[in-house]
Amino acid sequence: MEEQYIVGRNPVLEILKSGREVEKILVIRGELKGSINKIIGIAKDRNIRIQQVDKNKLDQIAQGSSHQGVAALITSYAYFSVDDILKKAEKFEESPFIIILDGIEDPHNLGAIIRTAECGGVHGIIIPKRRAAHVTPAVYKSSAGAVEHIMISKVNNISDTIEKLKEKGLWIYGADIDGEEYYFNIDLKGPIALVIGSEGKGISRLVKEKCDFILKIPMLGKVSSLNASNAASILIYEVVKQGYEEKR
């Protein structure tokens, strides 16, 4: 498998906590303070090689990102299947809750969505193999390490995948400015998948046609749309809210 560096204290800590195989940890040469010492302690417990390097080396690895004095060399992310995601929900005896991303190209948006999805109890995220952001060091960084705690599946065709999810009993809700109803007026309990479109074009026509229902978020200001990761956050936590209300 291809190797890559993950930079930043939180992303590196999360990778170490997850049990993922780590080739080595690089820390900045000099006095070590704060959470870097925690990283070193975990790495020593796991017998992971620790190497002190100059700041210039970390700057080169980070390529403009904030490394905070630490980097981890790991193998590339191992994607899951859609069935893996469904089995995870079944294992916990929960209704499947899936996020489908239709062409998100900005790795920072992808990372932000992954972070919110993991916090919101989403069982997995589905992304397309082509014309979309994939899991990279920038995604690790912007997700604050949440990548290591959520299943991500990379599929050939989003429309075909939606059909298969429908066959498994999931309801598919797309988010679009021209939606049929405001999201907070819709019952979002039970087995569902939320579809979030790309930053510029939104959900593609073919994917939109596959959705059971199109939701919209109120736009009360001068700007006509939200950032994709913000829209995803609103909808994810509406599902969380409705789930809590059902349990009361």
C-alpha atoms as a PDB file:
ATOM      1  CA  MET A   1       0.000   0.000   0.000  1.00  0.00           C
ATOM      2  CA  GLU A   2       1.052   3.621  -0.643  1.00  0.00           C
ATOM      3  CA  GLU A   3       2.495   5.522   2.313  1.00  0.00           C
ATOM      4  CA  GLN A   4       1.560   9.047   3.360  1.00  0.00           C
ATOM      5  CA  TYR A   5       2.292  11.509   6.126  1.00  0.00           C
ATOM      6  CA  ILE A   6      -0.368  12.830   8.501  1.00  0.00           C
ATOM      7  CA  VAL A   7       0.496  16.082  10.280  1.00  0.00           C
ATOM      8  CA  GLY A   8      -0.877  17.862  13.337  1.00  0.00           C
ATOM      9  CA  ARG A   9      -1.232  16.812  16.964  1.00  0.00           C
ATOM     10  CA  ASN A  10      -4.929  15.852  17.002  1.00  0.00           C
ATOM     11  CA  PRO A  11      -4.850  13.854  13.740  1.00  0.00           C
ATOM     12  CA  VAL A  12      -1.731  11.967  14.859  1.00  0.00           C
ATOM     13  CA  LEU A  13      -3.202  11.284  18.305  1.00  0.00           C
ATOM     14  CA  GLU A  14      -6.401   9.897  16.778  1.00  0.00           C
ATOM     15  CA  ILE A  15      -4.450   7.632  14.460  1.00  0.00           C
ATOM     16  CA  LEU A  16      -2.437   6.256  17.376  1.00  0.00           C
ATOM     17  CA  LYS A  17      -5.600   5.716  19.453  1.00  0.00           C
ATOM     18  CA  SER A  18      -7.326   3.912  16.584  1.00  0.00           C
ATOM     19  CA  GLY A  19      -4.728   1.166  16.461  1.00  0.00           C
ATOM     20  CA  ARG A  20      -3.890   1.905  12.809  1.00  0.00           C
ATOM     21  CA  GLU A  21      -0.455   0.690  11.703  1.00  0.00           C
ATOM     22  CA  VAL A  22       2.026   3.564  11.942  1.00  0.00           C
ATOM     23  CA  GLU A  23       5.486   3.246  10.407  1.00  0.00           C
ATOM     24  CA  LYS A  24       7.121   6.017  12.430  1.00  0.00           C
ATOM     25  CA  ILE A  25       6.504   9.280  14.264  1.00  0.00           C
ATOM     26  CA  LEU A  26       8.494  12.407  13.387  1.00  0.00           C
ATOM     27  CA  VAL A  27       8.750  15.091  16.089  1.00  0.00           C
ATOM     28  CA  ILE A  28      10.448  18.445  15.963  1.00  0.00           C
ATOM     29  CA  ARG A  29      13.938  18.593  17.426  1.00  0.00           C
ATOM     30  CA  GLY A  30      14.281  20.486  20.682  1.00  0.00           C
ATOM     31  CA  GLU A  31      12.209  20.948  23.836  1.00  0.00           C
ATOM     32  CA  LEU A  32       8.975  18.963  23.631  1.00  0.00           C
ATOM     33  CA  LYS A  33       5.859  20.250  25.346  1.00  0.00           C
ATOM     34  CA  GLY A  34       2.185  19.461  25.744  1.00  0.00           C
ATOM     35  CA  SER A  35       0.436  16.802  23.701  1.00  0.00           C
ATOM     36  CA  ILE A  36       3.585  15.871  21.769  1.00  0.00           C
ATOM     37  CA  ASN A  37       4.749  14.106  24.926  1.00  0.00           C
ATOM     38  CA  LYS A  38       1.467  12.167  25.000  1.00  0.00           C
ATOM     39  CA  ILE A  39       2.027  11.173  21.359  1.00  0.00           C
ATOM     40  CA  ILE A  40       5.549  10.011  22.170  1.00  0.00           C
ATOM     41  CA  GLY A  41       4.290   8.007  25.158  1.00  0.00           C
ATOM     42  CA  ILE A  42       1.663   6.156  23.083  1.00  0.00           C
ATOM     43  CA  ALA A  43       4.182   5.555  20.295  1.00  0.00           C
ATOM     44  CA  LYS A  44       6.651   4.051  22.773  1.00  0.00           C
ATOM     45  CA  ASP A  45       3.956   1.803  24.232  1.00  0.00           C
ATOM     46  CA  ARG A  46       3.200   0.532  20.728  1.00  0.00           C
ATOM     47  CA  ASN A  47       6.904   0.185  19.831  1.00  0.00           C
ATOM     48  CA  ILE A  48       6.598   2.703  17.015  1.00  0.00           C
ATOM     49  CA  ARG A  49       9.864   4.279  15.881  1.00  0.00           C
ATOM     50  CA  ILE A  50      10.230   7.932  16.928  1.00  0.00           C
ATOM     51  CA  GLN A  51      12.537  10.226  14.969  1.00  0.00           C
ATOM     52  CA  GLN A  52      13.514  13.782  15.871  1.00  0.00           C
ATOM     53  CA  VAL A  53      13.841  16.050  12.829  1.00  0.00           C
ATOM     54  CA  ASP A  54      14.439  19.714  12.078  1.00  0.00           C
ATOM     55  CA  LYS A  55      11.524  22.089  11.504  1.00  0.00           C
ATOM     56  CA  ASN A  56      12.462  22.357   7.819  1.00  0.00           C
ATOM     57  CA  LYS A  57      11.823  18.631   7.356  1.00  0.00           C
ATOM     58  CA  LEU A  58       8.340  18.900   8.877  1.00  0.00           C
ATOM     59  CA  ASP A  59       7.621  22.039   6.834  1.00  0.00           C
ATOM     60  CA  GLN A  60       8.513  20.100   3.696  1.00  0.00           C
ATOM     61  CA  ILE A  61       6.258  17.178   4.659  1.00  0.00           C
ATOM     62  CA  ALA A  62       3.334  19.446   5.652  1.00  0.00           C
ATOM     63  CA  GLN A  63       3.393  21.387   2.360  1.00  0.00           C
ATOM     64  CA  GLY A  64       1.901  24.501   3.888  1.00  0.00           C
ATOM     65  CA  SER A  65      -0.322  22.847   6.502  1.00  0.00           C
ATOM     66  CA  SER A  66       0.221  23.451  10.212  1.00  0.00           C
ATOM     67  CA  HIS A  67       2.177  20.423  11.486  1.00  0.00           C
ATOM     68  CA  GLN A  68       2.432  21.597  15.136  1.00  0.00           C
ATOM     69  CA  GLY A  69       5.785  19.844  15.422  1.00  0.00           C
ATOM     70  CA  VAL A  70       4.669  16.301  14.622  1.00  0.00           C
ATOM     71  CA  ALA A  71       3.935  13.957  11.702  1.00  0.00           C
ATOM     72  CA  ALA A  72       3.107  10.266  11.356  1.00  0.00           C
ATOM     73  CA  LEU A  73       4.055   8.040   8.435  1.00  0.00           C
ATOM     74  CA  ILE A  74       1.185   5.633   7.714  1.00  0.00           C
ATOM     75  CA  THR A  75      -0.134   3.407   4.949  1.00  0.00           C
ATOM     76  CA  SER A  76      -2.931   4.896   2.826  1.00  0.00           C
ATOM     77  CA  TYR A  77      -6.550   4.729   3.989  1.00  0.00           C
ATOM     78  CA  ALA A  78      -8.298   1.373   3.505  1.00  0.00           C
ATOM     79  CA  TYR A  79     -11.838   1.967   2.238  1.00  0.00           C
ATOM     80  CA  PHE A  80     -14.827  -0.118   3.313  1.00  0.00           C
ATOM     81  CA  SER A  81     -17.699  -1.577   1.301  1.00  0.00           C
ATOM     82  CA  VAL A  82     -21.290  -0.342   1.516  1.00  0.00           C
ATOM     83  CA  ASP A  83     -22.169  -3.715   3.045  1.00  0.00           C
ATOM     84  CA  ASP A  84     -19.585  -3.073   5.781  1.00  0.00           C
ATOM     85  CA  ILE A  85     -21.448   0.120   6.674  1.00  0.00           C
ATOM     86  CA  LEU A  86     -24.816  -1.640   6.794  1.00  0.00           C
ATOM     87  CA  LYS A  87     -23.374  -4.452   8.909  1.00  0.00           C
ATOM     88  CA  LYS A  88     -22.023  -1.881  11.392  1.00  0.00           C
ATOM     89  CA  ALA A  89     -25.540  -0.494  11.906  1.00  0.00           C
ATOM     90  CA  GLU A  90     -26.902  -4.022  12.261  1.00  0.00           C
ATOM     91  CA  LYS A  91     -24.227  -4.902  14.806  1.00  0.00           C
ATOM     92  CA  PHE A  92     -25.334  -2.029  17.048  1.00  0.00           C
ATOM     93  CA  GLU A  93     -29.025  -2.792  16.382  1.00  0.00           C
ATOM     94  CA  GLU A  94     -29.529   0.692  14.929  1.00  0.00           C
ATOM     95  CA  SER A  95     -31.285   1.947  11.823  1.00  0.00           C
ATOM     96  CA  PRO A  96     -28.641   2.685   9.147  1.00  0.00           C
ATOM     97  CA  PHE A  97     -27.652   6.349   8.943  1.00  0.00           C
ATOM     98  CA  ILE A  98     -25.502   7.064   5.892  1.00  0.00           C
ATOM     99  CA  ILE A  99     -24.151  10.196   4.206  1.00  0.00           C
ATOM    100  CA  ILE A 100     -23.765  10.145   0.405  1.00  0.00           C
ATOM    101  CA  LEU A 101     -21.508  12.825  -1.087  1.00  0.00           C
ATOM    102  CA  ASP A 102     -22.206  13.554  -4.738  1.00  0.00           C
ATOM    103  CA  GLY A 103     -19.013  15.106  -6.049  1.00  0.00           C
ATOM    104  CA  ILE A 104     -17.491  16.966  -3.077  1.00  0.00           C
ATOM    105  CA  GLU A 105     -14.130  18.084  -4.482  1.00  0.00           C
ATOM    106  CA  ASP A 106     -12.664  20.240  -1.696  1.00  0.00           C
ATOM    107  CA  PRO A 107     -10.689  18.052   0.751  1.00  0.00           C
ATOM    108  CA  HIS A 108     -11.349  20.529   3.568  1.00  0.00           C
ATOM    109  CA  ASN A 109     -15.093  20.238   3.001  1.00  0.00           C
ATOM    110  CA  LEU A 110     -14.794  16.456   2.953  1.00  0.00           C
ATOM    111  CA  GLY A 111     -12.798  16.487   6.184  1.00  0.00           C
ATOM    112  CA  ALA A 112     -15.300  18.796   7.886  1.00  0.00           C
ATOM    113  CA  ILE A 113     -18.210  16.565   6.844  1.00  0.00           C
ATOM    114  CA  ILE A 114     -16.389  13.462   8.096  1.00  0.00           C
ATOM    115  CA  ARG A 115     -15.787  15.134  11.461  1.00  0.00           C
ATOM    116  CA  THR A 116     -19.451  16.132  11.885  1.00  0.00           C
ATOM    117  CA  ALA A 117     -20.674  12.741  10.656  1.00  0.00           C
ATOM    118  CA  GLU A 118     -18.511  10.893  13.172  1.00  0.00           C
ATOM    119  CA  CYS A 119     -19.702  13.155  16.010  1.00  0.00           C
ATOM    120  CA  GLY A 120     -23.312  12.679  14.901  1.00  0.00           C
ATOM    121  CA  GLY A 121     -23.235   8.891  14.961  1.00  0.00           C
ATOM    122  CA  VAL A 122     -23.316   8.358  11.191  1.00  0.00           C
ATOM    123  CA  HIS A 123     -22.515   4.730  10.334  1.00  0.00           C
ATOM    124  CA  GLY A 124     -20.677   5.508   7.129  1.00  0.00           C
ATOM    125  CA  ILE A 125     -20.013   7.870   4.236  1.00  0.00           C
ATOM    126  CA  ILE A 126     -20.219   7.021   0.537  1.00  0.00           C
ATOM    127  CA  ILE A 127     -18.166   8.922  -2.046  1.00  0.00           C
ATOM    128  CA  PRO A 128     -17.672   8.408  -5.799  1.00  0.00           C
ATOM    129  CA  LYS A 129     -14.405   7.074  -7.205  1.00  0.00           C
ATOM    130  CA  ARG A 130     -14.168   9.789  -9.868  1.00  0.00           C
ATOM    131  CA  ARG A 131     -14.375  13.587  -9.846  1.00  0.00           C
ATOM    132  CA  ALA A 132     -14.417  13.854  -6.049  1.00  0.00           C
ATOM    133  CA  ALA A 133     -12.086  14.360  -3.089  1.00  0.00           C
ATOM    134  CA  HIS A 134     -10.735  11.180  -1.505  1.00  0.00           C
ATOM    135  CA  VAL A 135      -9.033  10.542   1.827  1.00  0.00           C
ATOM    136  CA  THR A 136      -5.726  12.435   1.797  1.00  0.00           C
ATOM    137  CA  PRO A 137      -3.489  14.001   4.466  1.00  0.00           C
ATOM    138  CA  ALA A 138      -5.456  17.265   4.045  1.00  0.00           C
ATOM    139  CA  VAL A 139      -8.690  15.367   4.802  1.00  0.00           C
ATOM    140  CA  TYR A 140      -7.102  13.741   7.870  1.00  0.00           C
ATOM    141  CA  LYS A 141      -6.080  17.175   9.093  1.00  0.00           C
ATOM    142  CA  SER A 142      -9.414  18.920   8.497  1.00  0.00           C
ATOM    143  CA  SER A 143     -11.349  16.026  10.056  1.00  0.00           C
ATOM    144  CA  ALA A 144      -9.181  16.263  13.221  1.00  0.00           C
ATOM    145  CA  GLY A 145      -8.511  12.533  12.907  1.00  0.00           C
ATOM    146  CA  ALA A 146     -12.197  11.527  12.654  1.00  0.00           C
ATOM    147  CA  VAL A 147     -11.327   9.626   9.449  1.00  0.00           C
ATOM    148  CA  GLU A 148      -9.974   6.854  11.672  1.00  0.00           C
ATOM    149  CA  HIS A 149     -13.327   6.364  13.410  1.00  0.00           C
ATOM    150  CA  ILE A 150     -15.821   6.224  10.542  1.00  0.00           C
ATOM    151  CA  MET A 151     -16.318   3.909   7.570  1.00  0.00           C
ATOM    152  CA  ILE A 152     -15.877   5.483   4.143  1.00  0.00           C
ATOM    153  CA  SER A 153     -16.881   3.623   1.000  1.00  0.00           C
ATOM    154  CA  LYS A 154     -15.745   4.577  -2.507  1.00  0.00           C
ATOM    155  CA  VAL A 155     -18.186   3.457  -5.233  1.00  0.00           C
ATOM    156  CA  ASN A 156     -18.249   3.469  -9.039  1.00  0.00           C
ATOM    157  CA  ASN A 157     -21.754   4.887  -9.419  1.00  0.00           C
ATOM    158  CA  ILE A 158     -23.736   6.890  -6.854  1.00  0.00           C
ATOM    159  CA  SER A 159     -27.081   6.343  -8.615  1.00  0.00           C
ATOM    160  CA  ASP A 160     -26.674   2.556  -8.661  1.00  0.00           C
ATOM    161  CA  THR A 161     -25.615   2.605  -5.008  1.00  0.00           C
ATOM    162  CA  ILE A 162     -28.757   4.549  -4.061  1.00  0.00           C
ATOM    163  CA  GLU A 163     -30.893   1.910  -5.794  1.00  0.00           C
ATOM    164  CA  LYS A 164     -29.184  -0.827  -3.767  1.00  0.00           C
ATOM    165  CA  LEU A 165     -29.730   1.090  -0.534  1.00  0.00           C
ATOM    166  CA  LYS A 166     -33.405   1.470  -1.371  1.00  0.00           C
ATOM    167  CA  GLU A 167     -33.610  -2.291  -1.810  1.00  0.00           C
ATOM    168  CA  LYS A 168     -32.215  -2.578   1.732  1.00  0.00           C
ATOM    169  CA  GLY A 169     -35.061  -0.417   3.044  1.00  0.00           C
ATOM    170  CA  LEU A 170     -33.334   2.982   3.305  1.00  0.00           C
ATOM    171  CA  TRP A 171     -35.104   6.230   2.475  1.00  0.00           C
ATOM    172  CA  ILE A 172     -32.967   8.653   0.460  1.00  0.00           C
ATOM    173  CA  TYR A 173     -33.159  12.389   1.191  1.00  0.00           C
ATOM    174  CA  GLY A 174     -31.308  14.903  -0.982  1.00  0.00           C
ATOM    175  CA  ALA A 175     -30.448  18.474  -0.002  1.00  0.00           C
ATOM    176  CA  ASP A 176     -31.133  21.171  -2.602  1.00  0.00           C
ATOM    177  CA  ILE A 177     -32.059  24.850  -2.624  1.00  0.00           C
ATOM    178  CA  ASP A 178     -35.147  23.999  -4.705  1.00  0.00           C
ATOM    179  CA  GLY A 179     -36.278  21.276  -2.308  1.00  0.00           C
ATOM    180  CA  GLU A 180     -39.904  20.322  -1.799  1.00  0.00           C
ATOM    181  CA  GLU A 181     -40.047  21.022   1.940  1.00  0.00           C
ATOM    182  CA  TYR A 182     -37.956  22.492   4.762  1.00  0.00           C
ATOM    183  CA  TYR A 183     -35.845  19.806   6.428  1.00  0.00           C
ATOM    184  CA  PHE A 184     -37.306  20.396   9.909  1.00  0.00           C
ATOM    185  CA  ASN A 185     -40.813  19.561   8.698  1.00  0.00           C
ATOM    186  CA  ILE A 186     -39.822  16.078   7.511  1.00  0.00           C
ATOM    187  CA  ASP A 187     -39.692  12.853   9.539  1.00  0.00           C
ATOM    188  CA  LEU A 188     -36.030  11.803   9.353  1.00  0.00           C
ATOM    189  CA  LYS A 189     -36.234   8.808  11.667  1.00  0.00           C
ATOM    190  CA  GLY A 190     -35.536   5.219  10.639  1.00  0.00           C
ATOM    191  CA  PRO A 191     -33.105   3.895   8.001  1.00  0.00           C
ATOM    192  CA  ILE A 192     -31.984   6.871   5.914  1.00  0.00           C
ATOM    193  CA  ALA A 193     -29.251   8.269   3.697  1.00  0.00           C
ATOM    194  CA  LEU A 194     -28.676  12.003   3.260  1.00  0.00           C
ATOM    195  CA  VAL A 195     -27.302  13.119  -0.116  1.00  0.00           C
ATOM    196  CA  ILE A 196     -25.115  16.247  -0.165  1.00  0.00           C
ATOM    197  CA  GLY A 197     -24.154  17.711  -3.542  1.00  0.00           C
ATOM    198  CA  SER A 198     -20.964  19.320  -4.788  1.00  0.00           C
ATOM    199  CA  GLU A 199     -19.855  22.803  -3.753  1.00  0.00           C
ATOM    200  CA  GLY A 200     -20.805  24.508  -7.014  1.00  0.00           C
ATOM    201  CA  LYS A 201     -23.368  22.384  -8.848  1.00  0.00           C
ATOM    202  CA  GLY A 202     -25.208  20.659  -6.005  1.00  0.00           C
ATOM    203  CA  ILE A 203     -26.713  17.221  -6.532  1.00  0.00           C
ATOM    204  CA  SER A 204     -26.480  15.957 -10.112  1.00  0.00           C
ATOM    205  CA  ARG A 205     -29.731  15.511 -12.046  1.00  0.00           C
ATOM    206  CA  LEU A 206     -29.508  11.703 -12.195  1.00  0.00           C
ATOM    207  CA  VAL A 207     -28.830  11.404  -8.469  1.00  0.00           C
ATOM    208  CA  LYS A 208     -31.600  13.876  -7.626  1.00  0.00           C
ATOM    209  CA  GLU A 209     -34.068  11.757  -9.590  1.00  0.00           C
ATOM    210  CA  LYS A 210     -33.131   8.739  -7.459  1.00  0.00           C
ATOM    211  CA  CYS A 211     -33.868  10.512  -4.173  1.00  0.00           C
ATOM    212  CA  ASP A 212     -37.188   9.796  -2.428  1.00  0.00           C
ATOM    213  CA  PHE A 213     -37.464  13.369  -1.211  1.00  0.00           C
ATOM    214  CA  ILE A 214     -35.600  16.668  -1.701  1.00  0.00           C
ATOM    215  CA  LEU A 215     -35.114  18.831   1.386  1.00  0.00           C
ATOM    216  CA  LYS A 216     -34.256  22.512   1.584  1.00  0.00           C
ATOM    217  CA  ILE A 217     -32.689  24.737   4.224  1.00  0.00           C
ATOM    218  CA  PRO A 218     -34.157  28.241   4.729  1.00  0.00           C
ATOM    219  CA  MET A 219     -32.008  30.968   3.116  1.00  0.00           C
ATOM    220  CA  LEU A 220     -32.928  34.289   4.741  1.00  0.00           C
ATOM    221  CA  GLY A 221     -29.912  36.406   3.786  1.00  0.00           C
ATOM    222  CA  LYS A 222     -28.368  37.725   0.584  1.00  0.00           C
ATOM    223  CA  VAL A 223     -26.284  34.604  -0.102  1.00  0.00           C
ATOM    224  CA  SER A 224     -28.267  31.920  -1.894  1.00  0.00           C
ATOM    225  CA  SER A 225     -26.588  28.767  -0.537  1.00  0.00           C
ATOM    226  CA  LEU A 226     -24.535  27.293   2.289  1.00  0.00           C
ATOM    227  CA  ASN A 227     -21.140  25.649   2.148  1.00  0.00           C
ATOM    228  CA  ALA A 228     -21.597  21.886   1.615  1.00  0.00           C
ATOM    229  CA  SER A 229     -20.092  21.000   4.999  1.00  0.00           C
ATOM    230  CA  ASN A 230     -22.373  23.483   6.796  1.00  0.00           C
ATOM    231  CA  ALA A 231     -25.446  22.090   5.048  1.00  0.00           C
ATOM    232  CA  ALA A 232     -24.371  18.566   5.981  1.00  0.00           C
ATOM    233  CA  SER A 233     -23.932  19.601   9.630  1.00  0.00           C
ATOM    234  CA  ILE A 234     -27.437  21.065   9.830  1.00  0.00           C
ATOM    235  CA  LEU A 235     -29.066  17.966   8.347  1.00  0.00           C
ATOM    236  CA  ILE A 236     -26.970  15.458  10.318  1.00  0.00           C
ATOM    237  CA  TYR A 237     -27.932  17.086  13.595  1.00  0.00           C
ATOM    238  CA  GLU A 238     -31.591  17.297  12.610  1.00  0.00           C
ATOM    239  CA  VAL A 239     -31.469  13.490  12.341  1.00  0.00           C
ATOM    240  CA  VAL A 240     -29.726  13.347  15.738  1.00  0.00           C
ATOM    241  CA  LYS A 241     -32.353  15.703  17.255  1.00  0.00           C
ATOM    242  CA  GLN A 242     -35.281  13.685  15.944  1.00  0.00           C
ATOM    243  CA  GLY A 243     -33.710  10.486  17.208  1.00  0.00           C
ATOM    244  CA  TYR A 244     -33.339  11.916  20.704  1.00  0.00           C
ATOM    245  CA  GLU A 245     -36.904  13.190  20.697  1.00  0.00           C
ATOM    246  CA  GLU A 246     -38.159   9.731  19.737  1.00  0.00           C
ATOM    247  CA  LYS A 247     -36.357   8.176  22.726  1.00  0.00           C
ATOM    248  CA  ARG A 248     -37.901  10.562  25.268  1.00  0.00           C
END
